[in-house]
Amino acid sequence: MTLVLYDSPVSGNCYKVRLLLSYLGLPFERVYADVVDRSNRPELIGDLNPALRVPTLVLDDGRPLAESGAIIWYFGEGTRFVPDDPYERAQVLQWMFFEQYDHEPAIAVVRFWVAYSGRADEFADRLEERTAAGYRALGAMEKHLAADGREWFVGDGMTLADIALYAYTHVAHEGGFDLGAYPAIRAWVDRVAATPGHVPIDA
């Protein structure tokens, strides 16, 4: 069997999985899932993921695995993307949790409302607060990267932390976020994009 990824091409969470699999040179099949019209989710992935979210991945032995962080950790273990040092491993998880708790609920949500929902006016009263939260997340990232001229979020090379944070940061402009005041983030985005095996989100 081949890896099968239930996937949306506009989802940064799905992109994290595609990006890591590309870096690792692992082939997979994609099954399209709409992020706006979710009416067919029970039939599409209900038996694989009761939460009905993408990404959902079916391993080559038929077992399902859901949630982007869990999927990339599964494939990242034993590779250069997960450090051997226990403290650095914990730091990778720290930034992955930050991405899901602080970064994604602001930057990804605003991007979806503005660029993909088709109902941006319905969210107008919440946009200012979520945008401010997104800029706070970007500020934390910039401060960390700018300290001692860091090139990566953990250690001396790309880890899962970078993959997780890159997914929605590099398309933040689609939600109206301006990265002009974040030179360390912009340089880091360019480093990630220049990594061998890189694929764009719309590939």
N, C-alpha and C. Protein backbone atom coordinates (compact mmCIF):
# COMPACT_ATOMS: atom_id res chain seq x y z
N MET A 1 0.83 -1.21 0.00
CA MET A 1 0.00 0.00 0.00
C MET A 1 0.86 1.25 0.00
N THR A 2 0.29 2.35 -0.47
CA THR A 2 0.96 3.64 -0.51
C THR A 2 0.37 4.54 0.57
N LEU A 3 1.15 5.47 1.06
CA LEU A 3 0.63 6.49 1.97
C LEU A 3 -0.48 7.27 1.26
N VAL A 4 -1.58 7.51 1.97
CA VAL A 4 -2.69 8.26 1.40
C VAL A 4 -2.98 9.43 2.33
N LEU A 5 -2.93 10.64 1.77
CA LEU A 5 -3.16 11.85 2.54
C LEU A 5 -4.47 12.49 2.12
N TYR A 6 -5.39 12.60 3.05
CA TYR A 6 -6.62 13.36 2.85
C TYR A 6 -6.26 14.82 3.11
N ASP A 7 -6.44 15.65 2.09
CA ASP A 7 -5.66 16.87 2.00
C ASP A 7 -6.45 17.99 1.34
N SER A 8 -6.21 19.21 1.82
CA SER A 8 -6.67 20.40 1.11
C SER A 8 -5.46 21.19 0.66
N PRO A 9 -5.42 21.61 -0.59
CA PRO A 9 -4.24 22.33 -1.10
C PRO A 9 -4.06 23.71 -0.49
N VAL A 10 -5.09 24.28 0.15
CA VAL A 10 -4.93 25.60 0.75
C VAL A 10 -4.65 25.53 2.25
N SER A 11 -4.75 24.35 2.83
CA SER A 11 -4.56 24.20 4.27
C SER A 11 -3.08 24.16 4.63
N GLY A 12 -2.66 25.06 5.52
CA GLY A 12 -1.28 25.02 6.00
C GLY A 12 -1.01 23.77 6.82
N ASN A 13 -2.01 23.30 7.56
CA ASN A 13 -1.82 22.08 8.34
C ASN A 13 -1.54 20.88 7.42
N CYS A 14 -2.26 20.80 6.32
CA CYS A 14 -1.99 19.74 5.34
C CYS A 14 -0.62 19.95 4.69
N TYR A 15 -0.30 21.21 4.42
CA TYR A 15 0.98 21.52 3.77
C TYR A 15 2.16 21.08 4.62
N LYS A 16 2.07 21.18 5.93
CA LYS A 16 3.15 20.70 6.79
C LYS A 16 3.49 19.25 6.47
N VAL A 17 2.47 18.43 6.30
CA VAL A 17 2.68 17.01 6.03
C VAL A 17 3.28 16.83 4.64
N ARG A 18 2.71 17.50 3.64
CA ARG A 18 3.25 17.38 2.29
C ARG A 18 4.70 17.84 2.22
N LEU A 19 5.01 18.92 2.94
CA LEU A 19 6.37 19.47 2.91
C LEU A 19 7.36 18.49 3.53
N LEU A 20 7.03 17.94 4.69
CA LEU A 20 7.95 16.99 5.31
C LEU A 20 8.12 15.75 4.46
N LEU A 21 7.04 15.21 3.93
CA LEU A 21 7.16 14.02 3.08
C LEU A 21 8.01 14.31 1.85
N SER A 22 7.91 15.52 1.32
CA SER A 22 8.74 15.90 0.18
C SER A 22 10.21 15.97 0.58
N TYR A 23 10.51 16.60 1.72
CA TYR A 23 11.89 16.67 2.19
C TYR A 23 12.47 15.26 2.40
N LEU A 24 11.63 14.35 2.85
CA LEU A 24 12.09 12.99 3.12
C LEU A 24 12.07 12.09 1.88
N GLY A 25 11.51 12.59 0.78
CA GLY A 25 11.44 11.81 -0.45
C GLY A 25 10.48 10.64 -0.37
N LEU A 26 9.40 10.79 0.41
CA LEU A 26 8.43 9.70 0.58
C LEU A 26 7.23 9.94 -0.34
N PRO A 27 6.92 9.01 -1.23
CA PRO A 27 5.77 9.19 -2.13
C PRO A 27 4.45 8.99 -1.39
N PHE A 28 3.42 9.66 -1.87
CA PHE A 28 2.11 9.52 -1.26
C PHE A 28 1.05 9.91 -2.27
N GLU A 29 -0.16 9.43 -2.03
CA GLU A 29 -1.31 9.81 -2.84
C GLU A 29 -2.13 10.85 -2.08
N ARG A 30 -2.79 11.73 -2.82
CA ARG A 30 -3.61 12.78 -2.20
C ARG A 30 -5.07 12.57 -2.55
N VAL A 31 -5.92 12.74 -1.53
CA VAL A 31 -7.36 12.72 -1.72
C VAL A 31 -7.88 14.09 -1.32
N TYR A 32 -8.54 14.77 -2.23
CA TYR A 32 -8.95 16.16 -2.01
C TYR A 32 -10.09 16.25 -1.00
N ALA A 33 -9.97 17.22 -0.09
CA ALA A 33 -11.05 17.55 0.84
C ALA A 33 -11.25 19.05 0.82
N ASP A 34 -12.47 19.49 0.62
CA ASP A 34 -12.80 20.92 0.57
C ASP A 34 -12.78 21.49 1.99
N VAL A 35 -12.16 22.67 2.16
CA VAL A 35 -12.11 23.27 3.49
C VAL A 35 -13.30 24.18 3.76
N VAL A 36 -14.07 24.50 2.75
CA VAL A 36 -15.26 25.34 2.93
C VAL A 36 -16.51 24.47 3.02
N ASP A 37 -16.76 23.67 2.01
CA ASP A 37 -17.90 22.75 2.02
C ASP A 37 -17.44 21.41 2.60
N ARG A 38 -17.81 21.16 3.83
CA ARG A 38 -17.37 19.95 4.53
C ARG A 38 -18.48 18.90 4.62
N SER A 39 -19.49 19.04 3.80
CA SER A 39 -20.66 18.18 3.92
C SER A 39 -20.37 16.71 3.67
N ASN A 40 -19.31 16.43 2.89
CA ASN A 40 -19.02 15.02 2.60
C ASN A 40 -17.95 14.43 3.52
N ARG A 41 -17.54 15.18 4.54
CA ARG A 41 -16.49 14.69 5.42
C ARG A 41 -16.84 13.36 6.12
N PRO A 42 -18.07 13.17 6.61
CA PRO A 42 -18.37 11.88 7.25
C PRO A 42 -18.14 10.68 6.33
N GLU A 43 -18.55 10.82 5.08
CA GLU A 43 -18.35 9.73 4.13
C GLU A 43 -16.90 9.61 3.71
N LEU A 44 -16.21 10.76 3.63
CA LEU A 44 -14.84 10.76 3.12
C LEU A 44 -13.85 10.22 4.13
N ILE A 45 -13.91 10.71 5.37
CA ILE A 45 -12.89 10.31 6.35
C ILE A 45 -13.45 9.93 7.72
N GLY A 46 -14.77 9.77 7.81
CA GLY A 46 -15.39 9.50 9.10
C GLY A 46 -14.87 8.26 9.79
N ASP A 47 -14.60 7.21 9.05
CA ASP A 47 -14.09 5.97 9.65
C ASP A 47 -12.61 6.07 10.01
N LEU A 48 -11.93 7.06 9.49
CA LEU A 48 -10.49 7.21 9.73
C LEU A 48 -10.19 8.22 10.82
N ASN A 49 -11.02 9.24 10.94
CA ASN A 49 -10.79 10.32 11.89
C ASN A 49 -12.13 10.86 12.37
N PRO A 50 -12.55 10.49 13.57
CA PRO A 50 -13.85 10.95 14.07
C PRO A 50 -13.99 12.46 14.14
N ALA A 51 -12.86 13.19 14.25
CA ALA A 51 -12.91 14.65 14.28
C ALA A 51 -13.19 15.26 12.90
N LEU A 52 -13.09 14.44 11.86
CA LEU A 52 -13.41 14.85 10.48
C LEU A 52 -12.54 15.98 9.97
N ARG A 53 -11.32 16.05 10.47
CA ARG A 53 -10.40 17.12 10.04
C ARG A 53 -9.35 16.58 9.08
N VAL A 54 -8.83 17.50 8.27
CA VAL A 54 -7.63 17.21 7.49
C VAL A 54 -6.50 18.06 8.05
N PRO A 55 -5.27 17.53 7.98
CA PRO A 55 -4.89 16.29 7.32
C PRO A 55 -5.26 15.04 8.13
N THR A 56 -5.64 14.03 7.39
CA THR A 56 -5.74 12.66 7.91
C THR A 56 -4.93 11.81 6.96
N LEU A 57 -4.08 10.97 7.50
CA LEU A 57 -3.19 10.16 6.67
C LEU A 57 -3.42 8.69 6.97
N VAL A 58 -3.39 7.88 5.91
CA VAL A 58 -3.46 6.43 6.07
C VAL A 58 -2.07 5.87 5.77
N LEU A 59 -1.49 5.20 6.77
CA LEU A 59 -0.16 4.63 6.61
C LEU A 59 -0.17 3.48 5.61
N ASP A 60 1.01 3.07 5.19
CA ASP A 60 1.08 2.03 4.17
C ASP A 60 0.64 0.67 4.69
N ASP A 61 0.39 0.54 6.01
CA ASP A 61 -0.16 -0.70 6.54
C ASP A 61 -1.65 -0.57 6.83
N GLY A 62 -2.24 0.57 6.43
CA GLY A 62 -3.68 0.75 6.57
C GLY A 62 -4.13 1.47 7.81
N ARG A 63 -3.22 1.75 8.76
CA ARG A 63 -3.61 2.45 9.99
C ARG A 63 -3.73 3.95 9.72
N PRO A 64 -4.79 4.59 10.27
CA PRO A 64 -4.96 6.03 10.09
C PRO A 64 -4.23 6.83 11.17
N LEU A 65 -3.85 8.05 10.83
CA LEU A 65 -3.23 8.97 11.77
C LEU A 65 -3.70 10.38 11.42
N ALA A 66 -4.12 11.12 12.44
CA ALA A 66 -4.65 12.46 12.22
C ALA A 66 -3.88 13.49 13.04
N GLU A 67 -4.17 14.77 12.76
CA GLU A 67 -3.55 15.95 13.37
C GLU A 67 -2.13 16.15 12.81
N SER A 68 -1.91 17.34 12.27
CA SER A 68 -0.66 17.61 11.56
C SER A 68 0.56 17.40 12.44
N GLY A 69 0.51 17.84 13.69
CA GLY A 69 1.66 17.68 14.57
C GLY A 69 2.00 16.23 14.81
N ALA A 70 0.98 15.41 15.03
CA ALA A 70 1.21 13.97 15.26
C ALA A 70 1.78 13.31 14.01
N ILE A 71 1.25 13.69 12.85
CA ILE A 71 1.72 13.06 11.60
C ILE A 71 3.17 13.43 11.33
N ILE A 72 3.53 14.71 11.45
CA ILE A 72 4.92 15.06 11.14
C ILE A 72 5.88 14.53 12.21
N TRP A 73 5.42 14.40 13.45
CA TRP A 73 6.30 13.80 14.47
C TRP A 73 6.54 12.34 14.16
N TYR A 74 5.52 11.63 13.71
CA TYR A 74 5.66 10.21 13.35
C TYR A 74 6.72 10.02 12.27
N PHE A 75 6.66 10.85 11.24
CA PHE A 75 7.62 10.70 10.15
C PHE A 75 8.95 11.38 10.45
N GLY A 76 8.95 12.35 11.35
CA GLY A 76 10.19 13.05 11.66
C GLY A 76 11.11 12.29 12.59
N GLU A 77 10.54 11.41 13.43
CA GLU A 77 11.36 10.62 14.36
C GLU A 77 12.46 9.88 13.60
N GLY A 78 13.68 9.97 14.11
CA GLY A 78 14.80 9.27 13.50
C GLY A 78 15.40 9.97 12.30
N THR A 79 14.93 11.19 12.01
CA THR A 79 15.47 11.96 10.89
C THR A 79 16.13 13.22 11.42
N ARG A 80 16.73 13.99 10.53
CA ARG A 80 17.40 15.22 10.93
C ARG A 80 16.43 16.27 11.44
N PHE A 81 15.15 16.05 11.27
CA PHE A 81 14.15 17.05 11.66
C PHE A 81 13.74 16.95 13.13
N VAL A 82 14.18 15.91 13.83
CA VAL A 82 13.93 15.77 15.27
C VAL A 82 15.27 15.57 15.95
N PRO A 83 15.71 16.50 16.78
CA PRO A 83 17.04 16.39 17.41
C PRO A 83 17.14 15.19 18.33
N ASP A 84 18.36 14.71 18.54
CA ASP A 84 18.61 13.63 19.48
C ASP A 84 18.62 14.13 20.92
N ASP A 85 19.09 15.36 21.13
CA ASP A 85 19.20 15.91 22.46
C ASP A 85 17.80 16.10 23.08
N PRO A 86 17.56 15.59 24.30
CA PRO A 86 16.23 15.69 24.91
C PRO A 86 15.72 17.12 25.05
N TYR A 87 16.61 18.04 25.42
CA TYR A 87 16.17 19.43 25.59
C TYR A 87 15.77 20.04 24.25
N GLU A 88 16.56 19.78 23.21
CA GLU A 88 16.21 20.32 21.90
C GLU A 88 14.93 19.68 21.37
N ARG A 89 14.73 18.40 21.65
CA ARG A 89 13.47 17.76 21.25
C ARG A 89 12.29 18.48 21.92
N ALA A 90 12.45 18.77 23.21
CA ALA A 90 11.39 19.48 23.93
C ALA A 90 11.17 20.88 23.36
N GLN A 91 12.25 21.53 22.93
CA GLN A 91 12.12 22.85 22.32
C GLN A 91 11.34 22.78 21.00
N VAL A 92 11.59 21.73 20.23
CA VAL A 92 10.82 21.54 19.00
C VAL A 92 9.34 21.44 19.33
N LEU A 93 9.01 20.63 20.32
CA LEU A 93 7.61 20.50 20.73
C LEU A 93 7.07 21.82 21.26
N GLN A 94 7.90 22.57 21.99
CA GLN A 94 7.48 23.88 22.49
C GLN A 94 6.99 24.77 21.36
N TRP A 95 7.76 24.84 20.27
CA TRP A 95 7.37 25.70 19.15
C TRP A 95 6.20 25.11 18.37
N MET A 96 6.10 23.79 18.31
CA MET A 96 4.95 23.18 17.65
C MET A 96 3.67 23.46 18.44
N PHE A 97 3.74 23.42 19.78
CA PHE A 97 2.58 23.75 20.58
C PHE A 97 2.23 25.24 20.46
N PHE A 98 3.26 26.08 20.43
CA PHE A 98 3.05 27.51 20.22
C PHE A 98 2.32 27.75 18.90
N GLU A 99 2.75 27.04 17.88
CA GLU A 99 2.13 27.22 16.56
C GLU A 99 0.65 26.89 16.61
N GLN A 100 0.28 25.82 17.28
CA GLN A 100 -1.12 25.41 17.32
C GLN A 100 -1.95 26.23 18.30
N TYR A 101 -1.34 26.75 19.35
CA TYR A 101 -2.09 27.45 20.39
C TYR A 101 -2.15 28.96 20.15
N ASP A 102 -1.07 29.56 19.67
CA ASP A 102 -1.00 31.01 19.50
C ASP A 102 -0.99 31.46 18.04
N HIS A 103 -0.26 30.76 17.21
CA HIS A 103 0.01 31.19 15.84
C HIS A 103 -1.14 30.81 14.90
N GLU A 104 -1.45 29.54 14.82
CA GLU A 104 -2.46 29.06 13.89
C GLU A 104 -3.86 29.62 14.17
N PRO A 105 -4.29 29.71 15.44
CA PRO A 105 -5.63 30.24 15.70
C PRO A 105 -5.78 31.71 15.35
N ALA A 106 -4.70 32.39 15.10
CA ALA A 106 -4.77 33.80 14.68
C ALA A 106 -4.47 33.94 13.20
N ILE A 107 -3.26 33.61 12.79
CA ILE A 107 -2.84 33.86 11.41
C ILE A 107 -3.60 32.99 10.42
N ALA A 108 -3.74 31.71 10.73
CA ALA A 108 -4.46 30.82 9.81
C ALA A 108 -5.94 31.16 9.76
N VAL A 109 -6.51 31.49 10.90
CA VAL A 109 -7.94 31.79 10.95
C VAL A 109 -8.25 33.07 10.18
N VAL A 110 -7.45 34.12 10.39
CA VAL A 110 -7.67 35.36 9.64
C VAL A 110 -7.50 35.11 8.14
N ARG A 111 -6.48 34.38 7.78
CA ARG A 111 -6.27 34.05 6.35
C ARG A 111 -7.50 33.35 5.77
N PHE A 112 -8.04 32.39 6.50
CA PHE A 112 -9.21 31.66 6.01
C PHE A 112 -10.42 32.60 5.88
N TRP A 113 -10.66 33.39 6.91
CA TRP A 113 -11.79 34.32 6.85
C TRP A 113 -11.69 35.24 5.65
N VAL A 114 -10.50 35.84 5.47
CA VAL A 114 -10.33 36.89 4.46
C VAL A 114 -10.24 36.32 3.05
N ALA A 115 -9.50 35.24 2.89
CA ALA A 115 -9.15 34.79 1.54
C ALA A 115 -9.95 33.59 1.03
N TYR A 116 -10.53 32.79 1.91
CA TYR A 116 -11.09 31.53 1.45
C TYR A 116 -12.52 31.24 1.89
N SER A 117 -13.00 31.90 2.92
CA SER A 117 -14.32 31.54 3.44
C SER A 117 -15.46 31.99 2.54
N GLY A 118 -15.23 33.10 1.80
CA GLY A 118 -16.32 33.67 1.02
C GLY A 118 -17.33 34.40 1.88
N ARG A 119 -17.02 34.54 3.18
CA ARG A 119 -17.95 35.17 4.13
C ARG A 119 -17.21 36.13 5.05
N ALA A 120 -16.22 36.83 4.52
CA ALA A 120 -15.35 37.66 5.35
C ALA A 120 -16.13 38.68 6.17
N ASP A 121 -17.24 39.20 5.60
CA ASP A 121 -18.01 40.21 6.32
C ASP A 121 -18.62 39.66 7.61
N GLU A 122 -18.87 38.37 7.65
CA GLU A 122 -19.47 37.76 8.84
C GLU A 122 -18.51 37.74 10.03
N PHE A 123 -17.22 37.86 9.74
CA PHE A 123 -16.21 37.79 10.79
C PHE A 123 -15.61 39.15 11.12
N ALA A 124 -16.18 40.21 10.56
CA ALA A 124 -15.58 41.54 10.67
C ALA A 124 -15.41 41.99 12.13
N ASP A 125 -16.34 41.60 12.99
CA ASP A 125 -16.26 42.06 14.37
C ASP A 125 -15.19 41.35 15.19
N ARG A 126 -14.64 40.26 14.64
CA ARG A 126 -13.61 39.50 15.33
C ARG A 126 -12.24 39.68 14.68
N LEU A 127 -12.21 40.34 13.54
CA LEU A 127 -10.98 40.42 12.76
C LEU A 127 -9.88 41.19 13.47
N GLU A 128 -10.21 42.30 14.10
CA GLU A 128 -9.19 43.12 14.75
C GLU A 128 -8.49 42.35 15.87
N GLU A 129 -9.26 41.66 16.68
CA GLU A 129 -8.68 40.91 17.80
C GLU A 129 -7.81 39.76 17.32
N ARG A 130 -8.24 39.04 16.32
CA ARG A 130 -7.45 37.91 15.80
C ARG A 130 -6.21 38.40 15.07
N THR A 131 -6.32 39.53 14.38
CA THR A 131 -5.16 40.10 13.71
C THR A 131 -4.11 40.54 14.74
N ALA A 132 -4.55 41.17 15.81
CA ALA A 132 -3.63 41.57 16.87
C ALA A 132 -2.94 40.36 17.48
N ALA A 133 -3.67 39.28 17.66
CA ALA A 133 -3.08 38.05 18.19
C ALA A 133 -2.04 37.49 17.22
N GLY A 134 -2.31 37.60 15.93
CA GLY A 134 -1.34 37.14 14.94
C GLY A 134 -0.05 37.93 14.99
N TYR A 135 -0.17 39.23 15.13
CA TYR A 135 1.04 40.05 15.23
C TYR A 135 1.81 39.78 16.52
N ARG A 136 1.11 39.44 17.59
CA ARG A 136 1.82 39.05 18.82
C ARG A 136 2.63 37.77 18.58
N ALA A 137 2.04 36.82 17.87
CA ALA A 137 2.76 35.58 17.56
C ALA A 137 3.97 35.86 16.68
N LEU A 138 3.80 36.70 15.68
CA LEU A 138 4.93 37.06 14.82
C LEU A 138 6.02 37.78 15.62
N GLY A 139 5.62 38.61 16.56
CA GLY A 139 6.60 39.30 17.40
C GLY A 139 7.43 38.34 18.22
N ALA A 140 6.79 37.30 18.75
CA ALA A 140 7.52 36.30 19.53
C ALA A 140 8.51 35.54 18.65
N MET A 141 8.09 35.22 17.43
CA MET A 141 8.97 34.53 16.50
C MET A 141 10.16 35.40 16.12
N GLU A 142 9.89 36.67 15.81
CA GLU A 142 10.96 37.59 15.42
C GLU A 142 11.97 37.75 16.54
N LYS A 143 11.50 37.92 17.76
CA LYS A 143 12.39 38.10 18.91
C LYS A 143 13.29 36.88 19.07
N HIS A 144 12.73 35.69 18.91
CA HIS A 144 13.52 34.46 19.07
C HIS A 144 14.57 34.32 17.98
N LEU A 145 14.16 34.55 16.73
CA LEU A 145 15.10 34.40 15.62
C LEU A 145 16.19 35.46 15.64
N ALA A 146 15.82 36.67 16.03
CA ALA A 146 16.79 37.77 16.03
C ALA A 146 17.83 37.62 17.14
N ALA A 147 17.51 36.88 18.19
CA ALA A 147 18.46 36.69 19.30
C ALA A 147 19.65 35.88 18.81
N ASP A 148 20.84 36.44 18.93
CA ASP A 148 22.07 35.75 18.52
C ASP A 148 22.08 35.35 17.05
N GLY A 149 21.25 36.01 16.24
CA GLY A 149 21.24 35.74 14.81
C GLY A 149 20.86 34.31 14.45
N ARG A 150 19.87 33.77 15.10
CA ARG A 150 19.44 32.39 14.84
C ARG A 150 18.99 32.22 13.39
N GLU A 151 19.36 31.11 12.80
CA GLU A 151 18.87 30.79 11.47
C GLU A 151 17.65 29.88 11.51
N TRP A 152 17.54 29.08 12.58
CA TRP A 152 16.45 28.13 12.72
C TRP A 152 15.88 28.24 14.13
N PHE A 153 14.70 27.71 14.32
CA PHE A 153 14.05 27.88 15.62
C PHE A 153 14.71 27.06 16.72
N VAL A 154 15.25 25.91 16.37
CA VAL A 154 15.91 25.06 17.37
C VAL A 154 17.21 24.53 16.77
N GLY A 155 18.31 24.73 17.48
CA GLY A 155 19.58 24.16 17.04
C GLY A 155 20.12 24.81 15.79
N ASP A 156 20.94 24.04 15.07
CA ASP A 156 21.67 24.58 13.93
C ASP A 156 21.11 24.16 12.58
N GLY A 157 19.94 23.53 12.57
CA GLY A 157 19.36 23.10 11.30
C GLY A 157 17.85 23.07 11.37
N MET A 158 17.23 22.89 10.23
CA MET A 158 15.77 22.84 10.18
C MET A 158 15.24 21.67 11.00
N THR A 159 14.18 21.93 11.75
CA THR A 159 13.49 20.88 12.49
C THR A 159 11.99 20.96 12.18
N LEU A 160 11.25 20.08 12.81
CA LEU A 160 9.80 20.12 12.66
C LEU A 160 9.22 21.45 13.13
N ALA A 161 9.90 22.12 14.05
CA ALA A 161 9.44 23.43 14.50
C ALA A 161 9.38 24.41 13.34
N ASP A 162 10.39 24.39 12.49
CA ASP A 162 10.43 25.29 11.34
C ASP A 162 9.33 24.94 10.34
N ILE A 163 9.15 23.65 10.10
CA ILE A 163 8.12 23.22 9.15
C ILE A 163 6.75 23.64 9.65
N ALA A 164 6.48 23.42 10.95
CA ALA A 164 5.18 23.77 11.51
C ALA A 164 4.91 25.26 11.41
N LEU A 165 5.90 26.08 11.74
CA LEU A 165 5.70 27.52 11.75
C LEU A 165 5.70 28.13 10.34
N TYR A 166 6.46 27.53 9.44
CA TYR A 166 6.54 28.06 8.08
C TYR A 166 5.20 27.99 7.36
N ALA A 167 4.45 26.93 7.60
CA ALA A 167 3.27 26.64 6.79
C ALA A 167 2.32 27.83 6.67
N TYR A 168 1.97 28.44 7.78
CA TYR A 168 1.06 29.58 7.72
C TYR A 168 1.77 30.92 7.71
N THR A 169 3.02 30.97 8.21
CA THR A 169 3.73 32.26 8.21
C THR A 169 3.99 32.74 6.79
N HIS A 170 4.39 31.85 5.90
CA HIS A 170 4.79 32.31 4.57
C HIS A 170 3.60 32.74 3.71
N VAL A 171 2.39 32.42 4.14
CA VAL A 171 1.20 32.89 3.42
C VAL A 171 0.38 33.86 4.28
N ALA A 172 1.00 34.40 5.33
CA ALA A 172 0.28 35.31 6.23
C ALA A 172 -0.25 36.53 5.49
N HIS A 173 0.44 36.93 4.42
CA HIS A 173 0.00 38.10 3.66
C HIS A 173 -1.40 37.90 3.07
N GLU A 174 -1.80 36.65 2.86
CA GLU A 174 -3.13 36.39 2.32
C GLU A 174 -4.22 36.82 3.30
N GLY A 175 -3.86 36.91 4.57
CA GLY A 175 -4.78 37.40 5.58
C GLY A 175 -4.58 38.86 5.90
N GLY A 176 -3.70 39.52 5.15
CA GLY A 176 -3.46 40.94 5.37
C GLY A 176 -2.31 41.24 6.31
N PHE A 177 -1.58 40.23 6.76
CA PHE A 177 -0.45 40.46 7.66
C PHE A 177 0.74 40.97 6.85
N ASP A 178 1.41 41.98 7.38
CA ASP A 178 2.56 42.59 6.73
C ASP A 178 3.83 42.15 7.47
N LEU A 179 4.70 41.43 6.78
CA LEU A 179 5.94 40.96 7.39
C LEU A 179 7.09 41.96 7.24
N GLY A 180 6.78 43.16 6.78
CA GLY A 180 7.82 44.15 6.54
C GLY A 180 8.63 44.50 7.77
N ALA A 181 8.02 44.44 8.93
CA ALA A 181 8.72 44.81 10.17
C ALA A 181 9.40 43.63 10.84
N TYR A 182 9.50 42.50 10.12
CA TYR A 182 10.05 41.28 10.71
C TYR A 182 11.17 40.72 9.84
N PRO A 183 12.33 41.39 9.81
CA PRO A 183 13.40 40.95 8.91
C PRO A 183 13.94 39.56 9.22
N ALA A 184 13.98 39.17 10.48
CA ALA A 184 14.49 37.84 10.81
C ALA A 184 13.54 36.77 10.30
N ILE A 185 12.24 37.02 10.40
CA ILE A 185 11.26 36.07 9.88
C ILE A 185 11.38 35.98 8.36
N ARG A 186 11.51 37.11 7.70
CA ARG A 186 11.61 37.09 6.23
C ARG A 186 12.84 36.31 5.77
N ALA A 187 13.97 36.50 6.44
CA ALA A 187 15.19 35.76 6.08
C ALA A 187 15.01 34.27 6.33
N TRP A 188 14.34 33.93 7.42
CA TRP A 188 14.07 32.52 7.74
C TRP A 188 13.14 31.89 6.70
N VAL A 189 12.10 32.61 6.30
CA VAL A 189 11.20 32.11 5.26
C VAL A 189 11.98 31.79 4.00
N ASP A 190 12.91 32.65 3.62
CA ASP A 190 13.73 32.41 2.43
C ASP A 190 14.61 31.18 2.61
N ARG A 191 15.15 30.96 3.82
CA ARG A 191 15.98 29.78 4.06
C ARG A 191 15.18 28.50 3.91
N VAL A 192 13.97 28.51 4.47
CA VAL A 192 13.13 27.32 4.35
C VAL A 192 12.83 27.04 2.88
N ALA A 193 12.46 28.07 2.15
CA ALA A 193 12.10 27.89 0.74
C ALA A 193 13.27 27.42 -0.12
N ALA A 194 14.50 27.67 0.33
CA ALA A 194 15.69 27.27 -0.42
C ALA A 194 16.19 25.88 -0.05
N THR A 195 15.51 25.22 0.86
CA THR A 195 15.94 23.89 1.30
C THR A 195 15.67 22.85 0.23
N PRO A 196 16.65 21.99 -0.09
CA PRO A 196 16.43 20.96 -1.12
C PRO A 196 15.21 20.10 -0.81
N GLY A 197 14.42 19.85 -1.82
CA GLY A 197 13.21 19.07 -1.65
C GLY A 197 11.97 19.91 -1.38
N HIS A 198 12.16 21.23 -1.26
CA HIS A 198 11.05 22.11 -0.93
C HIS A 198 10.00 22.10 -2.04
N VAL A 199 8.74 22.13 -1.64
CA VAL A 199 7.64 22.28 -2.58
C VAL A 199 6.74 23.42 -2.10
N PRO A 200 6.20 24.23 -3.00
CA PRO A 200 5.31 25.32 -2.59
C PRO A 200 3.95 24.77 -2.13
N ILE A 201 3.21 25.60 -1.42
CA ILE A 201 1.94 25.16 -0.88
C ILE A 201 0.93 24.82 -1.97
N ASP A 202 1.05 25.46 -3.12
CA ASP A 202 0.08 25.22 -4.20
C ASP A 202 0.54 24.16 -5.19
N ALA A 203 1.60 23.42 -4.84
CA ALA A 203 2.08 22.38 -5.74
C ALA A 203 1.16 21.16 -5.71
